[in-house]
C-alpha atoms as a PDB file:
ATOM      1  CA  MET A   1       5.367   1.725  -7.362  1.00  0.00           C
ATOM      2  CA  ARG A   2       8.318   0.736 -10.097  1.00  0.00           C
ATOM      3  CA  GLU A   3       9.166  -2.283  -9.041  1.00  0.00           C
ATOM      4  CA  ALA A   4       5.582  -3.886  -8.167  1.00  0.00           C
ATOM      5  CA  ALA A   5       4.739  -2.838 -11.703  1.00  0.00           C
ATOM      6  CA  GLU A   6       8.289  -4.821 -13.282  1.00  0.00           C
ATOM      7  CA  GLN A   7       6.700  -7.632 -10.986  1.00  0.00           C
ATOM      8  CA  GLY A   8       3.456  -7.419 -11.571  1.00  0.00           C
ATOM      9  CA  ASN A   9       2.533  -7.278  -8.450  1.00  0.00           C
ATOM     10  CA  ALA A  10      -0.625  -5.398  -8.308  1.00  0.00           C
ATOM     11  CA  GLU A  11      -1.541  -5.090  -4.212  1.00  0.00           C
ATOM     12  CA  GLN A  12       1.666  -3.785  -3.445  1.00  0.00           C
ATOM     13  CA  LEU A  13       0.898  -1.463  -6.402  1.00  0.00           C
ATOM     14  CA  ARG A  14      -2.089  -0.635  -4.597  1.00  0.00           C
ATOM     15  CA  HIS A  15      -0.395  -0.247  -1.638  1.00  0.00           C
ATOM     16  CA  ALA A  16       2.488   1.763  -2.336  1.00  0.00           C
ATOM     17  CA  ALA A  17       0.048   4.469  -4.929  1.00  0.00           C
ATOM     18  CA  HIS A  18      -2.383   4.527  -1.764  1.00  0.00           C
ATOM     19  CA  THR A  19       0.598   5.910   0.721  1.00  0.00           C
ATOM     20  CA  LEU A  20       1.904   8.406  -1.769  1.00  0.00           C
ATOM     21  CA  LYS A  21      -1.608   9.906  -2.406  1.00  0.00           C
ATOM     22  CA  GLY A  22      -2.130  10.573   1.106  1.00  0.00           C
ATOM     23  CA  SER A  23       1.126  12.252   1.180  1.00  0.00           C
ATOM     24  CA  GLY A  24       0.861  13.491  -1.487  1.00  0.00           C
ATOM     25  CA  GLY A  25      -2.745  16.095  -0.861  1.00  0.00           C
ATOM     26  CA  ASN A  26      -1.515  16.895   2.109  1.00  0.00           C
ATOM     27  CA  MET A  27       1.885  18.436   0.832  1.00  0.00           C
ATOM     28  CA  GLY A  28      -0.586  19.941  -1.731  1.00  0.00           C
ATOM     29  CA  ALA A  29       1.082  18.080  -4.779  1.00  0.00           C
ATOM     30  CA  ARG A  30      -2.077  17.419  -6.859  1.00  0.00           C
ATOM     31  CA  ALA A  31      -0.208  15.979  -9.681  1.00  0.00           C
ATOM     32  CA  VAL A  32       1.528  13.425  -7.378  1.00  0.00           C
ATOM     33  CA  GLN A  33      -1.572  12.967  -6.075  1.00  0.00           C
ATOM     34  CA  LYS A  34      -3.714  12.135  -9.220  1.00  0.00           C
ATOM     35  CA  LEU A  35      -1.151  10.006 -10.763  1.00  0.00           C
ATOM     36  CA  SER A  36      -0.761   7.541  -7.226  1.00  0.00           C
ATOM     37  CA  GLN A  37      -4.645   8.184  -7.484  1.00  0.00           C
ATOM     38  CA  MET A  38      -4.708   6.235 -11.342  1.00  0.00           C
ATOM     39  CA  LEU A  39      -2.031   3.902 -10.024  1.00  0.00           C
ATOM     40  CA  GLU A  40      -3.987   2.401  -6.587  1.00  0.00           C
ATOM     41  CA  GLN A  41      -7.042   2.273  -8.823  1.00  0.00           C
ATOM     42  CA  ILE A  42      -4.947   0.086 -11.544  1.00  0.00           C
ATOM     43  CA  GLY A  43      -3.394  -1.814  -8.071  1.00  0.00           C
ATOM     44  CA  ARG A  44      -6.955  -2.609  -6.960  1.00  0.00           C
ATOM     45  CA  ASN A  45      -8.273  -3.895 -10.074  1.00  0.00           C
ATOM     46  CA  GLY A  46      -6.086  -6.422  -9.576  1.00  0.00           C
ATOM     47  CA  THR A  47      -3.232  -5.498 -12.319  1.00  0.00           C
ATOM     48  CA  VAL A  48      -0.260  -3.323 -12.789  1.00  0.00           C
ATOM     49  CA  GLU A  49      -1.333  -3.480 -16.946  1.00  0.00           C
ATOM     50  CA  GLY A  50      -0.394   0.405 -18.070  1.00  0.00           C
ATOM     51  CA  ALA A  51       1.066   1.480 -14.263  1.00  0.00           C
ATOM     52  CA  SER A  52       4.799   1.481 -16.417  1.00  0.00           C
ATOM     53  CA  GLU A  53       4.270   4.357 -17.545  1.00  0.00           C
ATOM     54  CA  ILE A  54       2.007   6.165 -14.839  1.00  0.00           C
ATOM     55  CA  VAL A  55       4.797   5.304 -13.026  1.00  0.00           C
ATOM     56  CA  LEU A  56       7.513   7.137 -15.109  1.00  0.00           C
ATOM     57  CA  LYS A  57       4.990   9.896 -14.994  1.00  0.00           C
ATOM     58  CA  LEU A  58       4.971  10.020 -11.232  1.00  0.00           C
ATOM     59  CA  GLU A  59       8.257   9.467 -11.044  1.00  0.00           C
ATOM     60  CA  HIS A  60       8.724  12.926 -12.843  1.00  0.00           C
ATOM     61  CA  GLU A  61       5.947  14.831 -10.622  1.00  0.00           C
ATOM     62  CA  TYR A  62       8.018  13.585  -7.957  1.00  0.00           C
ATOM     63  CA  GLU A  63      10.997  14.779  -8.299  1.00  0.00           C
ATOM     64  CA  ARG A  64       9.318  18.284  -9.882  1.00  0.00           C
ATOM     65  CA  ALA A  65       7.991  19.129  -6.445  1.00  0.00           C
ATOM     66  CA  ARG A  66      10.766  18.095  -4.239  1.00  0.00           C
ATOM     67  CA  GLN A  67      12.425  20.725  -6.172  1.00  0.00           C
ATOM     68  CA  VAL A  68       9.667  22.615  -5.285  1.00  0.00           C
ATOM     69  CA  PHE A  69       9.427  22.374  -2.069  1.00  0.00           C
ATOM     70  CA  GLU A  70      13.440  22.115  -1.488  1.00  0.00           C
ATOM     71  CA  ALA A  71      13.470  25.743  -2.747  1.00  0.00           C
ATOM     72  CA  GLU A  72      11.234  26.989  -0.435  1.00  0.00           C
ATOM     73  CA  ARG A  73      12.935  24.870   2.589  1.00  0.00           C
ATOM     74  CA  GLN A  74      16.232  27.225   1.243  1.00  0.00           C
ATOM     75  CA  LYS A  75      13.950  30.438   1.780  1.00  0.00           C
ATOM     76  CA  VAL A  76      13.095  29.712   5.026  1.00  0.00           C
END
């Protein structure tokens, strides 16, 4: 998504965000899902304007979710 935003590729942004939105929802990572949904809508609108800032937030939330999942995996 970062690359799509940097290159101005709205369709690539939309597609990648759509995929991550579904995965985030399936795993209960609601912040990841919400931010991905925002990026998907930006791409659907045919633009990447404002996407870079949301991608940064998404990267942070993704890492936070990854750490939670990793901690849970280690408990098993």
